[in-house]
Each structure stands twice: as structure tokens, then as C-alpha cells.
Amino acid sequence: MTTLAPSISLLRFIFVISQALAIAFITTCPYTPSSATMKVVSSSIEENESEQRAVYRYASPFFSIENKDDVAGPPLTPSALIILNTPIQSTGCNNDGKLSGVLGMLWEASTYRTCADGGANRLYDATVTLGSEDGKNNYLPNLITGDLDSLRRDVRQYYESKGVEIIRVEDQDYHDLDKSLMAVERWINEQSSLASNEKHRTTAKKSRVFIYGGFGGRFDQEMAVINSLCVWGKKDTFQQTTLAVYDEQTCAFMLPALPMKSEIRIRYPDDTFDNNEEQSDSKTLAGEGPTCGIIPIMGRCEKVITTGLKWNLNGDVPIGFGGLVSSSNRVINEVVTVETSSPMLFTSEMVVR
């Protein structure tokens, strides 16, 4: 027993010393995971998760009507225009001989233009008043397609004489807009394959498709246009596409459901159009205005959360026909965000000066 006492005392001494050293190390080590450090790590993880979250972005094409790049090769953002068979409400042409209004600006913003059947009649009637042959030659579409039952003979002969491609598609299971979207889809894929360097390849699938003339006609045709937004927005080619419908009064496009978040940047939020210095210029000003709506076109939506609107939705009241519908709202920030449990239709007024 007497021989074990020194060993026990020694063990106790070592134990006390080791505890003291451990406490000293913890209080002085700069890498100690304190509560503040854990908060930073947690915040970093949340930021990384936020960065990885898919975001749908609508950026107004009216910020810049020219789609030019400083890199050789095809445009980084292929942009196509489809003109439907509805009356063109544009106010004719500017002093410089260019088509004015929303249609004129969308024409300038696009690099591929197609007319859906009788849309060629509308384009012809709107541009033939430009007077000079040079003026009319500025507005030749790349393609006219559809079942062509509405295309006038004089219009067909005129565009054929100018070398415009005309393709008849007889399938009656598809609307003329669908047939035009098929052609645009092929064109977008061609642009992707023509990408000449790595920078182009990483952005080739991003594209913009402007549909002009989707409103103001028969209601069933308007709903067919909205249905095409729903159907074609799901296709792989259009996953990163701004697919929107315009006329001189209205713009509309679909917003995806969660987990995607939508960020919307219109041309004239709040009263910026009235105060814009550009209005002293003789050029036409056009763009999405502040009055907007969020329409539950796919049915009842249980949760919608927005920022950037005058009357934001906080997700506590379902949105649906027969109940609450967000109309006549107003954009007051440069960027509007929308998080919705079901796909929604975002609408905005168009302002033209």
C-alpha cells in the first residue's frame, strides 16, 4: 500500500496540470469555434445556399434596343420576335422612317423575326405606309409560317419577291403561334451550335422571345396565347428564356413556382417615365410601366411573397379566382421579387411616348 501512494499522487498532479493547460489553450487559441464564429459559419452556409438557388430573371428589353456584343460571333443573348395576326396599334413611323411604338422597339431588339400566318398581313400594312422602298426593306421578316389560311395573296407575293422564307405547317393540333415557336426553337438551337468560344457556350441557352399582338383580339385567342406561355415555358430550350407577350398596352410573362425565385426589372417603375430626361429626345420611348398584376392563371396559389410593390403580398392569404387576385398593384422599386407556390402570370402596363 505504501508503494502505491506516490503513483496516485503523481497521477493526480498530472491530471490537474492537464486540465489547467487545456483551459489555457481554449481561452487563448485564435481558432476556437466561439458562438460568434459559429454564426459567421452559419451565415456563410446560408449565403452559399442562396447563391446556389435557381432564379428566374426578367430584365426589360427596353433598357437597350440594340443587341450587340463586343465579342466576335453570334449574339450572347439570341432574341426572336413573333408577330401575331392582331391589329398593330403602333402609331406609324418616326421622323427617321422607323416603325414606332412597342413593336418598333421590339423589332430593333430582336435578331430573328417571324410572322405567324396573318401576322405578315399586319406587318405589311404597318410598314407599307413608310413610303420608300428602303423603308419597307428594313422590315422584312426571316420567316412566315403557319397553316397560311389567313395570308393574303398580295402579301405573300411581296415577301416572296423579297426572298422571305414561307413555310406552311398544316397540323391543326397546334396554333400558328405554336408553329412559330417551333421555328424559333430550331433557331435558338442553331445559335447554340454556332457558339464559337467558351464564353458563348456558357450563355448560348439564354435567349429572349418577344410575342407581339397577344392581346386585344378574341378572348379565346388571348387565352390560347397565355396557354402557349405555360406550355412552352416548360420545354428545355426555353428554361432560360425570357418568353413574354406584348402589345401597345400590356406585357405578360409566366413566373415559375418555388423553389425558384423570380426577379423582375421593368423599364419604368413608379413615376420614372414621367421624370425621365430622355423624353426630350425625339426617339420613341416605350417600356413596361409601374401598374402591374399577379394573376393565378394556373389555379389557386396558397402562398405568394413579394417585395418591391406598393402593396406587397406576405404569403398569409391564398391567391385565386373567386377570392383575392392581385391587380392594379404598382412597382415602386427597381427590382421586384416574387416567391410563389404555384406558377403565376405577371402583367404590366406598357407606356409609350
Protein backbone atom coordinates (compact mmCIF):
# COMPACT_ATOMS: atom_id res chain seq x y z
CA MET A 1 0.00 0.00 0.00
CA THR A 2 2.83 2.39 0.81
CA THR A 3 4.38 1.78 -2.62
CA LEU A 4 1.20 2.91 -4.46
CA ALA A 5 0.77 6.28 -2.72
CA PRO A 6 3.41 8.13 -4.75
CA SER A 7 1.89 6.81 -8.02
CA ILE A 8 -1.59 8.05 -7.08
CA SER A 9 -0.27 11.46 -6.08
CA LEU A 10 1.64 11.67 -9.31
CA LEU A 11 -1.45 10.82 -11.34
CA ARG A 12 -3.48 13.44 -9.52
CA PHE A 13 -0.76 16.01 -10.21
CA ILE A 14 -0.67 15.17 -13.94
CA PHE A 15 -4.47 15.37 -14.11
CA VAL A 16 -4.58 18.83 -12.52
CA ILE A 17 -1.81 20.13 -14.75
CA SER A 18 -3.50 18.77 -17.93
CA GLN A 19 -6.78 20.49 -17.01
CA ALA A 20 -5.02 23.79 -16.45
CA LEU A 21 -3.23 23.54 -19.80
CA ALA A 22 -6.47 22.67 -21.58
CA ILE A 23 -8.26 25.71 -20.11
CA ALA A 24 -5.37 27.96 -21.04
CA PHE A 25 -5.36 26.63 -24.64
CA ILE A 26 -9.10 27.09 -25.11
CA THR A 27 -9.09 30.69 -23.85
CA THR A 28 -6.09 31.78 -25.93
CA CYS A 29 -6.38 29.76 -29.19
CA PRO A 30 -7.50 32.04 -32.09
CA TYR A 31 -9.27 29.14 -33.85
CA THR A 32 -11.66 28.39 -31.03
CA PRO A 33 -15.19 27.93 -32.51
CA SER A 34 -16.87 30.62 -30.43
CA SER A 35 -20.56 31.42 -30.78
CA ALA A 36 -19.69 34.42 -32.98
CA THR A 37 -17.60 32.19 -35.23
CA MET A 38 -20.43 29.69 -35.47
CA LYS A 39 -22.78 32.49 -36.51
CA VAL A 40 -20.36 33.50 -39.27
CA VAL A 41 -20.11 29.90 -40.49
CA SER A 42 -23.89 29.56 -40.40
CA SER A 43 -24.30 32.82 -42.32
CA SER A 44 -21.75 31.67 -44.90
CA ILE A 45 -23.64 28.43 -45.42
CA GLU A 46 -26.91 30.34 -45.86
CA GLU A 47 -25.26 32.67 -48.39
CA ASN A 48 -23.89 29.70 -50.34
CA GLU A 49 -27.31 28.08 -50.36
CA SER A 50 -28.81 31.36 -51.55
CA GLU A 51 -26.21 31.66 -54.30
CA GLN A 52 -27.00 28.13 -55.50
CA ARG A 53 -30.74 28.77 -55.61
CA ALA A 54 -32.22 28.98 -59.10
CA VAL A 55 -33.53 32.42 -60.02
CA TYR A 56 -35.74 33.39 -62.94
CA ARG A 57 -34.91 36.91 -64.11
CA TYR A 58 -36.99 39.16 -66.33
CA ALA A 59 -34.98 42.17 -67.48
CA SER A 60 -36.86 44.59 -69.68
CA PRO A 61 -35.70 44.51 -73.33
CA PHE A 62 -36.47 48.23 -73.49
CA PHE A 63 -33.40 49.19 -71.46
CA SER A 64 -31.38 48.74 -74.62
CA ILE A 65 -32.97 48.16 -78.01
CA GLU A 66 -29.67 47.07 -79.55
CA ASN A 67 -28.49 43.51 -79.02
CA LYS A 68 -24.78 43.96 -79.71
CA ASP A 69 -21.74 42.35 -78.14
CA ASP A 70 -18.05 43.20 -78.00
CA VAL A 71 -17.14 39.57 -78.71
CA ALA A 72 -16.97 38.22 -82.25
CA GLY A 73 -19.54 35.61 -83.17
CA PRO A 74 -23.27 35.20 -82.62
CA PRO A 75 -25.10 37.31 -80.02
CA LEU A 76 -24.73 36.13 -76.45
CA THR A 77 -28.48 36.52 -76.00
CA PRO A 78 -30.37 35.34 -79.09
CA SER A 79 -33.58 37.37 -79.36
CA ALA A 80 -36.56 36.46 -81.52
CA LEU A 81 -39.76 38.34 -82.35
CA ILE A 82 -43.07 36.69 -83.31
CA ILE A 83 -45.79 38.90 -84.81
CA LEU A 84 -49.33 37.56 -84.42
CA ASN A 85 -52.40 38.21 -86.54
CA THR A 86 -53.88 41.02 -84.47
CA PRO A 87 -54.18 44.71 -85.35
CA ILE A 88 -50.93 46.60 -84.91
CA GLN A 89 -51.74 49.57 -82.72
CA SER A 90 -48.46 51.34 -83.37
CA THR A 91 -48.67 54.99 -84.38
CA GLY A 92 -46.86 54.56 -87.70
CA CYS A 93 -43.25 55.63 -88.11
CA ASN A 94 -40.88 58.13 -86.56
CA ASN A 95 -39.31 61.03 -88.41
CA ASP A 96 -36.35 58.78 -89.20
CA GLY A 97 -38.59 56.34 -91.10
CA LYS A 98 -38.61 53.65 -88.42
CA LEU A 99 -41.64 51.88 -87.01
CA SER A 100 -42.60 53.47 -83.71
CA GLY A 101 -44.16 52.22 -80.51
CA VAL A 102 -43.61 48.92 -78.76
CA LEU A 103 -43.45 46.90 -81.99
CA GLY A 104 -40.77 49.16 -83.44
CA MET A 105 -38.60 48.81 -80.36
CA LEU A 106 -39.07 45.03 -80.15
CA TRP A 107 -38.10 44.78 -83.82
CA GLU A 108 -34.87 46.64 -83.07
CA ALA A 109 -34.20 44.45 -80.03
CA SER A 110 -34.54 41.17 -81.96
CA THR A 111 -32.20 39.37 -84.31
CA TYR A 112 -34.71 36.86 -85.72
CA ARG A 113 -38.25 37.78 -86.76
CA THR A 114 -41.13 35.56 -87.79
CA CYS A 115 -44.76 36.25 -88.67
CA ALA A 116 -47.43 33.80 -87.57
CA ASP A 117 -49.58 33.42 -90.69
CA GLY A 118 -51.74 36.59 -90.95
CA GLY A 119 -49.23 38.44 -88.82
CA ALA A 120 -47.47 39.05 -92.13
CA ASN A 121 -50.53 40.99 -93.33
CA ARG A 122 -50.32 43.18 -90.22
CA LEU A 123 -46.62 43.85 -90.69
CA TYR A 124 -47.08 44.61 -94.39
CA ASP A 125 -49.93 47.03 -93.74
CA ALA A 126 -47.97 48.80 -90.98
CA THR A 127 -44.75 49.21 -92.95
CA VAL A 128 -46.01 49.85 -96.48
CA THR A 129 -47.02 53.34 -95.28
CA LEU A 130 -43.35 54.14 -94.74
CA GLY A 131 -43.36 55.24 -98.38
CA SER A 132 -39.87 54.46 -99.64
CA GLU A 133 -38.78 51.03 -100.75
CA ASP A 134 -35.74 51.32 -98.49
CA GLY A 135 -38.04 51.83 -95.51
CA LYS A 136 -40.07 48.73 -96.33
CA ASN A 137 -36.92 46.67 -96.81
CA ASN A 138 -35.97 47.37 -93.20
CA TYR A 139 -38.97 45.33 -92.07
CA LEU A 140 -38.62 42.00 -93.83
CA PRO A 141 -39.20 39.01 -91.54
CA ASN A 142 -36.92 35.98 -91.64
CA LEU A 143 -39.88 33.61 -91.82
CA ILE A 144 -43.64 33.43 -92.32
CA THR A 145 -45.18 30.21 -91.05
CA GLY A 146 -48.49 28.63 -90.02
CA ASP A 147 -51.29 26.99 -91.95
CA LEU A 148 -51.28 30.19 -94.09
CA ASP A 149 -55.06 30.30 -94.43
CA SER A 150 -55.01 33.99 -93.45
CA LEU A 151 -52.03 35.13 -95.53
CA ARG A 152 -53.19 37.46 -98.32
CA ARG A 153 -52.05 36.73 -101.85
CA ASP A 154 -50.56 40.19 -102.41
CA VAL A 155 -48.65 39.99 -99.14
CA ARG A 156 -47.30 36.53 -99.97
CA GLN A 157 -46.20 37.64 -103.41
CA TYR A 158 -44.48 40.71 -101.99
CA TYR A 159 -42.48 38.84 -99.35
CA GLU A 160 -41.63 36.00 -101.74
CA SER A 161 -40.20 38.59 -104.14
CA LYS A 162 -38.01 39.83 -101.29
CA GLY A 163 -36.65 36.35 -100.53
CA VAL A 164 -38.54 35.81 -97.26
CA GLU A 165 -38.88 32.14 -96.35
CA ILE A 166 -42.51 30.97 -96.22
CA ILE A 167 -43.28 27.55 -94.69
CA ARG A 168 -46.74 26.03 -94.45
CA VAL A 169 -47.45 23.76 -91.48
CA GLU A 170 -50.87 22.08 -91.74
CA ASP A 171 -51.04 20.36 -88.35
CA GLN A 172 -54.29 21.66 -86.82
CA ASP A 173 -53.39 20.38 -83.34
CA TYR A 174 -51.18 23.43 -82.98
CA HIS A 175 -51.94 27.14 -83.20
CA ASP A 176 -50.00 29.38 -85.54
CA LEU A 177 -48.15 30.75 -82.51
CA ASP A 178 -47.03 27.23 -81.60
CA LYS A 179 -45.78 26.72 -85.15
CA SER A 180 -43.80 29.94 -84.94
CA LEU A 181 -42.37 28.89 -81.58
CA MET A 182 -41.26 25.62 -83.18
CA ALA A 183 -39.31 27.64 -85.74
CA VAL A 184 -37.85 29.88 -83.03
CA GLU A 185 -36.82 26.82 -81.03
CA ARG A 186 -34.90 25.47 -84.03
CA TRP A 187 -33.25 28.86 -84.50
CA ILE A 188 -32.21 29.08 -80.84
CA ASN A 189 -30.67 25.60 -81.05
CA GLU A 190 -28.82 26.64 -84.21
CA GLN A 191 -27.43 29.68 -82.41
CA SER A 192 -26.25 27.42 -79.62
CA SER A 193 -24.43 25.14 -82.05
CA LEU A 194 -22.78 28.13 -83.74
CA ALA A 195 -21.19 29.31 -80.50
CA SER A 196 -17.55 29.96 -81.33
CA ASN A 197 -15.86 30.09 -77.92
CA GLU A 198 -16.30 29.01 -74.31
CA LYS A 199 -17.95 32.28 -73.29
CA HIS A 200 -20.64 31.80 -75.89
CA ARG A 201 -21.18 28.17 -74.94
CA THR A 202 -21.84 29.06 -71.33
CA THR A 203 -24.56 31.56 -72.29
CA ALA A 204 -25.92 30.06 -75.51
CA LYS A 205 -29.07 28.60 -73.91
CA LYS A 206 -30.12 32.01 -72.61
CA SER A 207 -32.48 33.68 -75.03
CA ARG A 208 -35.35 36.13 -75.35
CA VAL A 209 -38.60 35.58 -77.25
CA PHE A 210 -40.96 38.51 -77.76
CA ILE A 211 -44.52 37.75 -78.88
CA TYR A 212 -46.27 40.82 -80.22
CA GLY A 213 -50.05 41.06 -80.57
CA GLY A 214 -51.29 38.63 -77.93
CA PHE A 215 -53.98 40.95 -76.57
CA GLY A 216 -56.88 42.98 -77.87
CA GLY A 217 -58.48 40.31 -80.05
CA ARG A 218 -60.89 37.50 -79.28
CA PHE A 219 -60.73 36.32 -75.68
CA ASP A 220 -60.29 32.65 -76.64
CA GLN A 221 -57.26 33.61 -78.73
CA GLU A 222 -55.81 35.60 -75.85
CA MET A 223 -56.18 32.57 -73.59
CA ALA A 224 -54.54 30.37 -76.25
CA VAL A 225 -51.54 32.73 -76.20
CA ILE A 226 -51.32 32.52 -72.39
CA ASN A 227 -51.56 28.74 -72.62
CA SER A 228 -48.62 28.74 -75.04
CA LEU A 229 -46.58 30.63 -72.42
CA CYS A 230 -47.40 27.89 -69.90
CA VAL A 231 -46.63 25.01 -72.28
CA TRP A 232 -43.51 26.32 -73.99
CA GLY A 233 -42.01 27.71 -70.80
CA LYS A 234 -41.60 24.11 -69.58
CA LYS A 235 -39.53 23.00 -72.59
CA ASP A 236 -35.79 22.52 -72.13
CA THR A 237 -34.92 25.04 -74.84
CA PHE A 238 -36.89 27.76 -73.06
CA GLN A 239 -35.81 27.06 -69.47
CA GLN A 240 -33.52 30.12 -69.51
CA THR A 241 -35.65 32.12 -71.92
CA THR A 242 -37.48 35.38 -71.35
CA LEU A 243 -40.76 34.42 -73.02
CA ALA A 244 -43.16 37.38 -72.93
CA VAL A 245 -46.22 38.72 -74.74
CA TYR A 246 -46.63 42.40 -75.65
CA ASP A 247 -48.88 44.88 -77.34
CA GLU A 248 -49.03 48.66 -77.05
CA GLN A 249 -50.87 48.48 -73.69
CA THR A 250 -49.84 45.27 -71.94
CA CYS A 251 -46.93 42.94 -71.20
CA ALA A 252 -47.26 39.49 -69.62
CA PHE A 253 -44.98 36.56 -68.75
CA MET A 254 -45.06 33.50 -66.50
CA LEU A 255 -43.36 33.26 -63.11
CA PRO A 256 -42.15 29.79 -62.02
CA ALA A 257 -43.08 28.20 -58.69
CA LEU A 258 -40.81 27.52 -55.74
CA PRO A 259 -38.04 26.56 -55.24
CA MET A 260 -37.26 29.09 -58.00
CA LYS A 261 -37.38 32.76 -57.12
CA SER A 262 -38.30 35.46 -59.64
CA GLU A 263 -36.56 38.82 -60.01
CA ILE A 264 -38.29 41.36 -62.26
CA ARG A 265 -36.77 44.57 -63.57
CA ILE A 266 -39.15 46.68 -65.65
CA ARG A 267 -38.25 49.80 -67.62
CA TYR A 268 -40.29 52.40 -65.77
CA PRO A 269 -41.03 51.61 -62.11
CA ASP A 270 -43.13 54.13 -60.20
CA ASP A 271 -43.03 57.55 -61.93
CA THR A 272 -39.63 57.32 -63.63
CA PHE A 273 -41.22 57.55 -67.08
CA ASP A 274 -42.70 60.98 -66.37
CA ASN A 275 -39.42 62.20 -64.88
CA ASN A 276 -37.06 60.58 -67.40
CA GLU A 277 -34.65 63.02 -69.02
CA GLU A 278 -34.70 61.03 -72.24
CA GLN A 279 -38.17 62.33 -73.12
CA SER A 280 -36.56 65.45 -74.59
CA ASP A 281 -35.18 63.17 -77.30
CA SER A 282 -37.21 62.81 -80.50
CA LYS A 283 -36.93 59.00 -80.30
CA THR A 284 -39.89 56.92 -79.18
CA LEU A 285 -39.81 55.92 -75.53
CA ALA A 286 -41.57 52.71 -74.58
CA GLY A 287 -41.40 50.19 -71.81
CA GLU A 288 -43.19 48.42 -69.00
CA GLY A 289 -44.86 50.87 -66.64
CA PRO A 290 -45.50 50.67 -62.92
CA THR A 291 -49.07 49.31 -62.88
CA CYS A 292 -48.91 45.54 -62.58
CA GLY A 293 -50.76 42.40 -61.56
CA ILE A 294 -50.01 38.86 -60.39
CA ILE A 295 -52.64 36.53 -61.84
CA PRO A 296 -53.21 32.91 -60.65
CA ILE A 297 -53.68 31.63 -64.18
CA MET A 298 -52.81 28.03 -63.19
CA GLY A 299 -55.37 27.92 -60.36
CA ARG A 300 -55.36 28.64 -56.65
CA CYS A 301 -51.96 29.58 -55.21
CA GLU A 302 -51.54 29.03 -51.49
CA LYS A 303 -48.56 31.30 -50.91
CA VAL A 304 -47.16 34.37 -52.67
CA ILE A 305 -44.46 36.60 -51.17
CA THR A 306 -43.34 39.77 -52.95
CA THR A 307 -41.00 42.71 -52.46
CA GLY A 308 -40.75 45.92 -54.43
CA LEU A 309 -44.50 46.53 -54.83
CA LYS A 310 -46.64 49.24 -53.29
CA TRP A 311 -48.92 46.55 -51.84
CA ASN A 312 -46.70 43.54 -51.17
CA LEU A 313 -48.06 40.05 -50.54
CA ASN A 314 -46.73 38.33 -47.43
CA GLY A 315 -47.94 34.80 -48.09
CA ASP A 316 -50.66 34.68 -45.48
CA VAL A 317 -53.62 34.86 -47.91
CA PRO A 318 -54.13 32.43 -50.84
CA ILE A 319 -54.45 33.91 -54.34
CA GLY A 320 -57.09 32.55 -56.69
CA PHE A 321 -60.11 33.29 -58.84
CA GLY A 322 -63.19 33.53 -56.67
CA GLY A 323 -61.04 35.09 -53.97
CA LEU A 324 -58.12 37.50 -53.92
CA VAL A 325 -56.39 38.47 -57.18
CA SER A 326 -53.55 40.99 -57.13
CA SER A 327 -54.45 43.53 -59.82
CA SER A 328 -53.76 47.26 -60.21
CA ASN A 329 -50.70 46.95 -57.98
CA ARG A 330 -47.70 49.20 -58.51
CA VAL A 331 -43.96 48.67 -58.91
CA ILE A 332 -42.07 51.09 -56.67
CA ASN A 333 -38.56 49.54 -56.60
CA GLU A 334 -36.10 48.88 -59.39
CA VAL A 335 -36.28 45.14 -58.69
CA VAL A 336 -39.39 43.18 -57.77
CA THR A 337 -39.04 39.71 -56.24
CA VAL A 338 -41.75 37.06 -56.24
CA GLU A 339 -41.81 33.70 -54.48
CA THR A 340 -44.89 31.65 -55.27
CA SER A 341 -46.04 28.11 -54.53
CA SER A 342 -47.67 27.83 -57.98
CA PRO A 343 -46.80 29.35 -61.37
CA MET A 344 -48.29 32.81 -61.80
CA LEU A 345 -48.78 35.28 -64.64
CA PHE A 346 -47.12 38.67 -64.12
CA THR A 347 -48.67 41.54 -66.07
CA SER A 348 -47.52 45.11 -66.55
CA GLU A 349 -48.88 48.09 -68.37
CA MET A 350 -46.94 49.45 -71.34
CA VAL A 351 -46.21 53.15 -71.56
CA VAL A 352 -45.30 54.82 -74.85
CA ARG A 353 -44.32 58.40 -75.57
